[in-house]
Amino acid sequence: MKANKYLEELKAKTAAELNEELVAAKKELFNLRFQNATNQLDNTSRIKEVRRNIARIQTVIAEKARLA
């Protein structure tokens, strides 16, 4: 249910906002991987969650591009 709400929020955003969100998510993923490599990461499931969010963002971007 949480993912559906996030997906609806993404669909309401413009292409520029989606690109900003994508960049932010990729930076977060990089930081999480860095923390994991240095054994500072407590919640390792966050990596999986961020990866899926990146995929969701890219999917919405592709859908919008196809419709335009």
N, C-alpha and C. Protein backbone atom coordinates (compact mmCIF):
# COMPACT_ATOMS: atom_id res chain seq x y z
N MET A 1 0.82 -1.19 0.00
CA MET A 1 0.00 0.00 0.00
C MET A 1 0.86 1.25 0.00
N LYS A 2 1.97 1.18 0.75
CA LYS A 2 2.88 2.31 0.82
C LYS A 2 3.48 2.63 -0.54
N ALA A 3 3.81 1.59 -1.30
CA ALA A 3 4.41 1.77 -2.62
C ALA A 3 3.42 2.41 -3.58
N ASN A 4 2.14 2.04 -3.47
CA ASN A 4 1.13 2.62 -4.35
C ASN A 4 0.97 4.11 -4.13
N LYS A 5 1.02 4.53 -2.86
CA LYS A 5 0.90 5.96 -2.54
C LYS A 5 2.11 6.71 -3.10
N TYR A 6 3.30 6.12 -2.95
CA TYR A 6 4.52 6.74 -3.48
C TYR A 6 4.45 6.84 -5.01
N LEU A 7 3.91 5.81 -5.65
CA LEU A 7 3.79 5.80 -7.10
C LEU A 7 2.82 6.88 -7.58
N GLU A 8 1.74 7.07 -6.87
CA GLU A 8 0.79 8.13 -7.22
C GLU A 8 1.43 9.51 -7.08
N GLU A 9 2.25 9.68 -6.05
CA GLU A 9 2.96 10.96 -5.88
C GLU A 9 3.92 11.19 -7.04
N LEU A 10 4.58 10.13 -7.48
CA LEU A 10 5.52 10.27 -8.60
C LEU A 10 4.79 10.64 -9.89
N LYS A 11 3.65 10.02 -10.13
CA LYS A 11 2.91 10.29 -11.36
C LYS A 11 2.39 11.72 -11.41
N ALA A 12 2.21 12.35 -10.26
CA ALA A 12 1.72 13.72 -10.21
C ALA A 12 2.83 14.75 -10.48
N LYS A 13 4.08 14.32 -10.44
CA LYS A 13 5.21 15.25 -10.61
C LYS A 13 5.54 15.46 -12.08
N THR A 14 6.22 16.58 -12.34
CA THR A 14 6.67 16.88 -13.70
C THR A 14 7.95 16.12 -13.99
N ALA A 15 8.38 16.15 -15.25
CA ALA A 15 9.59 15.45 -15.66
C ALA A 15 10.82 16.00 -14.94
N ALA A 16 10.88 17.33 -14.77
CA ALA A 16 12.03 17.94 -14.09
C ALA A 16 12.08 17.51 -12.62
N GLU A 17 10.92 17.47 -11.98
CA GLU A 17 10.87 17.04 -10.58
C GLU A 17 11.26 15.57 -10.45
N LEU A 18 10.86 14.76 -11.42
CA LEU A 18 11.22 13.35 -11.40
C LEU A 18 12.73 13.17 -11.55
N ASN A 19 13.33 13.97 -12.43
CA ASN A 19 14.78 13.88 -12.61
C ASN A 19 15.52 14.29 -11.34
N GLU A 20 15.03 15.31 -10.65
CA GLU A 20 15.63 15.72 -9.39
C GLU A 20 15.50 14.61 -8.35
N GLU A 21 14.34 13.99 -8.31
CA GLU A 21 14.10 12.89 -7.37
C GLU A 21 15.02 11.72 -7.68
N LEU A 22 15.24 11.45 -8.96
CA LEU A 22 16.12 10.36 -9.38
C LEU A 22 17.55 10.62 -8.94
N VAL A 23 18.03 11.84 -9.14
CA VAL A 23 19.39 12.20 -8.74
C VAL A 23 19.54 12.06 -7.23
N ALA A 24 18.55 12.52 -6.48
CA ALA A 24 18.60 12.43 -5.02
C ALA A 24 18.62 10.97 -4.56
N ALA A 25 17.82 10.13 -5.21
CA ALA A 25 17.77 8.71 -4.83
C ALA A 25 19.09 8.02 -5.16
N LYS A 26 19.70 8.37 -6.28
CA LYS A 26 20.99 7.76 -6.63
C LYS A 26 22.08 8.19 -5.66
N LYS A 27 22.04 9.45 -5.21
CA LYS A 27 23.01 9.91 -4.21
C LYS A 27 22.81 9.17 -2.90
N GLU A 28 21.54 8.98 -2.52
CA GLU A 28 21.26 8.26 -1.29
C GLU A 28 21.75 6.82 -1.38
N LEU A 29 21.55 6.18 -2.53
CA LEU A 29 22.02 4.81 -2.72
C LEU A 29 23.54 4.74 -2.62
N PHE A 30 24.22 5.71 -3.21
CA PHE A 30 25.68 5.74 -3.12
C PHE A 30 26.11 5.84 -1.65
N ASN A 31 25.48 6.75 -0.91
CA ASN A 31 25.83 6.92 0.50
C ASN A 31 25.55 5.66 1.32
N LEU A 32 24.43 5.01 1.02
CA LEU A 32 24.11 3.77 1.73
C LEU A 32 25.13 2.68 1.44
N ARG A 33 25.54 2.57 0.18
CA ARG A 33 26.55 1.56 -0.17
C ARG A 33 27.88 1.87 0.51
N PHE A 34 28.21 3.15 0.58
CA PHE A 34 29.45 3.56 1.23
C PHE A 34 29.40 3.21 2.72
N GLN A 35 28.28 3.51 3.37
CA GLN A 35 28.12 3.18 4.78
C GLN A 35 28.17 1.66 5.00
N ASN A 36 27.59 0.91 4.07
CA ASN A 36 27.60 -0.54 4.19
C ASN A 36 29.02 -1.09 4.07
N ALA A 37 29.79 -0.51 3.18
CA ALA A 37 31.16 -0.98 2.98
C ALA A 37 32.04 -0.68 4.19
N THR A 38 31.72 0.38 4.91
CA THR A 38 32.51 0.75 6.09
C THR A 38 31.86 0.27 7.39
N ASN A 39 30.89 -0.62 7.27
CA ASN A 39 30.19 -1.21 8.42
C ASN A 39 29.54 -0.17 9.33
N GLN A 40 29.00 0.89 8.74
CA GLN A 40 28.31 1.91 9.52
C GLN A 40 26.80 1.86 9.30
N LEU A 41 26.35 1.00 8.42
CA LEU A 41 24.93 0.95 8.07
C LEU A 41 24.20 -0.01 9.00
N ASP A 42 23.14 0.51 9.65
CA ASP A 42 22.35 -0.32 10.56
C ASP A 42 21.24 -1.04 9.82
N ASN A 43 20.51 -0.31 8.97
CA ASN A 43 19.33 -0.86 8.29
C ASN A 43 19.70 -1.19 6.85
N THR A 44 20.16 -2.41 6.61
CA THR A 44 20.60 -2.78 5.27
C THR A 44 19.43 -2.94 4.29
N SER A 45 18.23 -3.11 4.79
CA SER A 45 17.07 -3.25 3.90
C SER A 45 16.76 -1.94 3.19
N ARG A 46 17.30 -0.84 3.68
CA ARG A 46 17.09 0.47 3.06
C ARG A 46 17.70 0.50 1.66
N ILE A 47 18.79 -0.23 1.43
CA ILE A 47 19.42 -0.29 0.11
C ILE A 47 18.43 -0.85 -0.91
N LYS A 48 17.78 -1.95 -0.56
CA LYS A 48 16.80 -2.58 -1.44
C LYS A 48 15.63 -1.64 -1.72
N GLU A 49 15.17 -0.94 -0.68
CA GLU A 49 14.06 -0.01 -0.83
C GLU A 49 14.41 1.14 -1.78
N VAL A 50 15.61 1.68 -1.64
CA VAL A 50 16.03 2.80 -2.49
C VAL A 50 16.20 2.33 -3.94
N ARG A 51 16.74 1.12 -4.12
CA ARG A 51 16.89 0.59 -5.48
C ARG A 51 15.54 0.45 -6.17
N ARG A 52 14.56 -0.02 -5.43
CA ARG A 52 13.21 -0.16 -6.00
C ARG A 52 12.59 1.20 -6.29
N ASN A 53 12.84 2.18 -5.42
CA ASN A 53 12.32 3.53 -5.67
C ASN A 53 12.94 4.12 -6.93
N ILE A 54 14.23 3.86 -7.16
CA ILE A 54 14.89 4.33 -8.37
C ILE A 54 14.22 3.70 -9.59
N ALA A 55 13.94 2.42 -9.52
CA ALA A 55 13.27 1.74 -10.63
C ALA A 55 11.87 2.31 -10.87
N ARG A 56 11.16 2.62 -9.79
CA ARG A 56 9.83 3.21 -9.93
C ARG A 56 9.91 4.57 -10.62
N ILE A 57 10.88 5.38 -10.20
CA ILE A 57 11.04 6.71 -10.79
C ILE A 57 11.36 6.59 -12.28
N GLN A 58 12.28 5.69 -12.62
CA GLN A 58 12.65 5.51 -14.02
C GLN A 58 11.47 5.01 -14.85
N THR A 59 10.64 4.17 -14.27
CA THR A 59 9.46 3.67 -14.98
C THR A 59 8.49 4.80 -15.27
N VAL A 60 8.25 5.66 -14.29
CA VAL A 60 7.33 6.78 -14.49
C VAL A 60 7.88 7.73 -15.53
N ILE A 61 9.19 7.97 -15.51
CA ILE A 61 9.83 8.84 -16.51
C ILE A 61 9.62 8.26 -17.91
N ALA A 62 9.82 6.95 -18.05
CA ALA A 62 9.65 6.29 -19.34
C ALA A 62 8.21 6.35 -19.82
N GLU A 63 7.26 6.18 -18.90
CA GLU A 63 5.84 6.26 -19.26
C GLU A 63 5.48 7.65 -19.76
N LYS A 64 5.98 8.66 -19.06
CA LYS A 64 5.69 10.04 -19.46
C LYS A 64 6.32 10.35 -20.82
N ALA A 65 7.52 9.84 -21.07
CA ALA A 65 8.19 10.07 -22.34
C ALA A 65 7.43 9.38 -23.48
N ARG A 66 6.91 8.20 -23.21
CA ARG A 66 6.17 7.47 -24.23
C ARG A 66 4.88 8.16 -24.58
N LEU A 67 4.23 8.77 -23.60
CA LEU A 67 2.97 9.46 -23.84
C LEU A 67 3.15 10.81 -24.52
N ALA A 68 4.32 11.40 -24.33
CA ALA A 68 4.56 12.73 -24.92
C ALA A 68 4.91 12.67 -26.38
